[in-house]
Amino acid sequence: MAASTSEERTGIFNLRHLTGERCPACGGTGALRVDSENIDEHFEVEKRTLITECPRCAGTGYVAAAG
């Protein structure tokens, strides 16, 4: 039987999940989605979704609880 390593999941949780609240800017996902449409040279509509890290919560999905 192999010895357990420190990299295994131990069930430790992030304290921020208890003291913080979900980020209102990204809804707790940590990512912002921006949909855009562009018309190309053939007059066809190109739809794209840009996914970026939420700047308000730095991608964590949580912000500090209001004191």
N, C-alpha and C. Protein backbone atom coordinates (compact mmCIF):
# COMPACT_ATOMS: atom_id res chain seq x y z
N MET A 1 0.85 -1.18 0.00
CA MET A 1 0.00 0.00 0.00
C MET A 1 0.89 1.24 0.00
N ALA A 2 0.58 2.20 -0.85
CA ALA A 2 1.40 3.40 -0.99
C ALA A 2 1.11 4.38 0.15
N ALA A 3 2.14 5.08 0.57
CA ALA A 3 1.97 6.09 1.60
C ALA A 3 1.23 7.29 1.00
N SER A 4 0.41 7.95 1.81
CA SER A 4 -0.33 9.09 1.28
C SER A 4 0.62 10.28 1.12
N THR A 5 0.34 11.10 0.14
CA THR A 5 1.18 12.27 -0.13
C THR A 5 0.45 13.53 0.31
N SER A 6 1.21 14.58 0.48
CA SER A 6 0.61 15.85 0.91
C SER A 6 -0.19 16.51 -0.20
N GLU A 7 -0.08 16.01 -1.43
CA GLU A 7 -0.80 16.61 -2.55
C GLU A 7 -2.19 16.01 -2.76
N GLU A 8 -2.54 15.02 -1.98
CA GLU A 8 -3.86 14.42 -2.11
C GLU A 8 -4.91 15.37 -1.55
N ARG A 9 -6.12 15.23 -2.05
CA ARG A 9 -7.22 16.05 -1.53
C ARG A 9 -7.54 15.60 -0.11
N THR A 10 -7.57 16.55 0.82
CA THR A 10 -7.79 16.21 2.21
C THR A 10 -9.12 16.73 2.74
N GLY A 11 -9.89 17.39 1.90
CA GLY A 11 -11.15 17.94 2.37
C GLY A 11 -11.00 19.31 2.99
N ILE A 12 -9.83 19.90 2.87
CA ILE A 12 -9.61 21.24 3.41
C ILE A 12 -10.38 22.24 2.55
N PHE A 13 -11.05 23.17 3.19
CA PHE A 13 -11.81 24.17 2.46
C PHE A 13 -11.17 25.53 2.61
N ASN A 14 -11.56 26.43 1.74
CA ASN A 14 -11.04 27.78 1.77
C ASN A 14 -11.88 28.61 2.74
N LEU A 15 -11.25 29.23 3.72
CA LEU A 15 -11.95 30.02 4.72
C LEU A 15 -12.74 31.16 4.07
N ARG A 16 -12.28 31.64 2.93
CA ARG A 16 -12.97 32.73 2.22
C ARG A 16 -14.41 32.33 1.87
N HIS A 17 -14.66 31.03 1.65
CA HIS A 17 -16.00 30.58 1.31
C HIS A 17 -16.96 30.75 2.49
N LEU A 18 -16.44 30.80 3.70
CA LEU A 18 -17.29 31.00 4.86
C LEU A 18 -17.47 32.48 5.19
N THR A 19 -16.45 33.29 4.97
CA THR A 19 -16.50 34.69 5.37
C THR A 19 -16.80 35.63 4.23
N GLY A 20 -16.73 35.16 3.01
CA GLY A 20 -16.97 36.02 1.87
C GLY A 20 -18.35 35.83 1.29
N GLU A 21 -18.68 36.64 0.33
CA GLU A 21 -19.94 36.48 -0.38
C GLU A 21 -19.64 36.40 -1.86
N ARG A 22 -20.54 35.80 -2.61
CA ARG A 22 -20.32 35.64 -4.05
C ARG A 22 -20.17 37.00 -4.72
N CYS A 23 -19.26 37.06 -5.64
CA CYS A 23 -19.00 38.31 -6.36
C CYS A 23 -20.23 38.67 -7.20
N PRO A 24 -20.76 39.88 -7.05
CA PRO A 24 -21.94 40.27 -7.84
C PRO A 24 -21.61 40.52 -9.31
N ALA A 25 -20.36 40.82 -9.61
CA ALA A 25 -19.99 41.11 -11.00
C ALA A 25 -20.01 39.86 -11.87
N CYS A 26 -19.54 38.73 -11.32
CA CYS A 26 -19.45 37.49 -12.12
C CYS A 26 -20.42 36.41 -11.63
N GLY A 27 -21.16 36.69 -10.57
CA GLY A 27 -22.10 35.71 -10.05
C GLY A 27 -21.44 34.55 -9.35
N GLY A 28 -20.21 34.72 -8.92
CA GLY A 28 -19.50 33.67 -8.20
C GLY A 28 -18.74 32.70 -9.09
N THR A 29 -18.70 32.94 -10.40
CA THR A 29 -17.99 32.03 -11.29
C THR A 29 -16.51 32.36 -11.41
N GLY A 30 -16.14 33.61 -11.16
CA GLY A 30 -14.75 34.02 -11.30
C GLY A 30 -14.38 34.44 -12.71
N ALA A 31 -15.33 34.33 -13.63
CA ALA A 31 -15.07 34.68 -15.03
C ALA A 31 -16.18 35.57 -15.58
N LEU A 32 -15.81 36.49 -16.43
CA LEU A 32 -16.78 37.33 -17.11
C LEU A 32 -16.88 36.88 -18.56
N ARG A 33 -18.08 36.85 -19.09
CA ARG A 33 -18.32 36.48 -20.48
C ARG A 33 -18.88 37.69 -21.22
N VAL A 34 -18.25 38.05 -22.31
CA VAL A 34 -18.69 39.17 -23.13
C VAL A 34 -19.01 38.64 -24.51
N ASP A 35 -20.28 38.74 -24.91
CA ASP A 35 -20.69 38.30 -26.24
C ASP A 35 -20.54 39.46 -27.21
N SER A 36 -20.00 39.17 -28.38
CA SER A 36 -19.84 40.21 -29.39
C SER A 36 -20.24 39.68 -30.76
N GLU A 37 -20.67 40.59 -31.60
CA GLU A 37 -21.01 40.26 -32.98
C GLU A 37 -20.23 41.19 -33.90
N ASN A 38 -19.78 40.64 -35.00
CA ASN A 38 -19.02 41.42 -35.97
C ASN A 38 -19.47 41.01 -37.36
N ILE A 39 -19.49 41.94 -38.27
CA ILE A 39 -19.85 41.63 -39.66
C ILE A 39 -18.56 41.60 -40.47
N ASP A 40 -18.30 40.46 -41.13
CA ASP A 40 -17.07 40.32 -41.90
C ASP A 40 -17.23 40.90 -43.31
N GLU A 41 -16.19 40.74 -44.11
CA GLU A 41 -16.19 41.33 -45.46
C GLU A 41 -17.21 40.70 -46.39
N HIS A 42 -17.75 39.54 -46.03
CA HIS A 42 -18.79 38.87 -46.83
C HIS A 42 -20.18 39.14 -46.26
N PHE A 43 -20.27 40.13 -45.38
CA PHE A 43 -21.52 40.52 -44.73
C PHE A 43 -22.15 39.37 -43.96
N GLU A 44 -21.31 38.53 -43.37
CA GLU A 44 -21.77 37.46 -42.50
C GLU A 44 -21.51 37.87 -41.05
N VAL A 45 -22.43 37.52 -40.19
CA VAL A 45 -22.30 37.87 -38.78
C VAL A 45 -21.44 36.82 -38.07
N GLU A 46 -20.38 37.27 -37.44
CA GLU A 46 -19.52 36.39 -36.64
C GLU A 46 -19.84 36.65 -35.17
N LYS A 47 -20.21 35.59 -34.46
CA LYS A 47 -20.51 35.73 -33.04
C LYS A 47 -19.37 35.10 -32.25
N ARG A 48 -18.93 35.82 -31.24
CA ARG A 48 -17.83 35.35 -30.39
C ARG A 48 -18.16 35.63 -28.94
N THR A 49 -17.62 34.78 -28.08
CA THR A 49 -17.74 34.99 -26.64
C THR A 49 -16.34 35.08 -26.06
N LEU A 50 -16.05 36.21 -25.44
CA LEU A 50 -14.77 36.43 -24.80
C LEU A 50 -14.93 36.08 -23.32
N ILE A 51 -14.09 35.19 -22.82
CA ILE A 51 -14.13 34.80 -21.41
C ILE A 51 -12.85 35.30 -20.76
N THR A 52 -13.00 36.10 -19.70
CA THR A 52 -11.86 36.69 -19.04
C THR A 52 -12.02 36.61 -17.52
N GLU A 53 -10.94 36.69 -16.80
CA GLU A 53 -10.97 36.67 -15.34
C GLU A 53 -11.69 37.91 -14.82
N CYS A 54 -12.53 37.72 -13.85
CA CYS A 54 -13.26 38.85 -13.26
C CYS A 54 -12.28 39.75 -12.50
N PRO A 55 -12.23 41.04 -12.85
CA PRO A 55 -11.28 41.94 -12.17
C PRO A 55 -11.70 42.29 -10.74
N ARG A 56 -12.98 42.18 -10.43
CA ARG A 56 -13.44 42.56 -9.09
C ARG A 56 -13.01 41.55 -8.04
N CYS A 57 -13.09 40.26 -8.36
CA CYS A 57 -12.75 39.22 -7.38
C CYS A 57 -11.45 38.50 -7.72
N ALA A 58 -10.76 38.91 -8.78
CA ALA A 58 -9.51 38.32 -9.23
C ALA A 58 -9.66 36.83 -9.57
N GLY A 59 -10.84 36.47 -10.05
CA GLY A 59 -11.07 35.11 -10.51
C GLY A 59 -11.43 34.11 -9.43
N THR A 60 -11.62 34.56 -8.18
CA THR A 60 -11.95 33.64 -7.09
C THR A 60 -13.44 33.36 -6.99
N GLY A 61 -14.27 34.30 -7.45
CA GLY A 61 -15.72 34.15 -7.34
C GLY A 61 -16.28 34.71 -6.04
N TYR A 62 -15.40 35.14 -5.14
CA TYR A 62 -15.85 35.65 -3.85
C TYR A 62 -15.21 37.01 -3.56
N VAL A 63 -15.97 37.85 -2.86
CA VAL A 63 -15.46 39.15 -2.40
C VAL A 63 -15.56 39.18 -0.89
N ALA A 64 -14.83 40.08 -0.25
CA ALA A 64 -14.87 40.18 1.21
C ALA A 64 -16.28 40.55 1.67
N ALA A 65 -16.71 39.95 2.76
CA ALA A 65 -18.04 40.22 3.30
C ALA A 65 -18.10 41.65 3.81
N ALA A 66 -19.24 42.27 3.59
CA ALA A 66 -19.44 43.64 4.09
C ALA A 66 -19.48 43.61 5.60
N GLY A 67 -18.66 44.43 6.21
CA GLY A 67 -18.44 44.43 7.64
C GLY A 67 -19.59 44.85 8.43
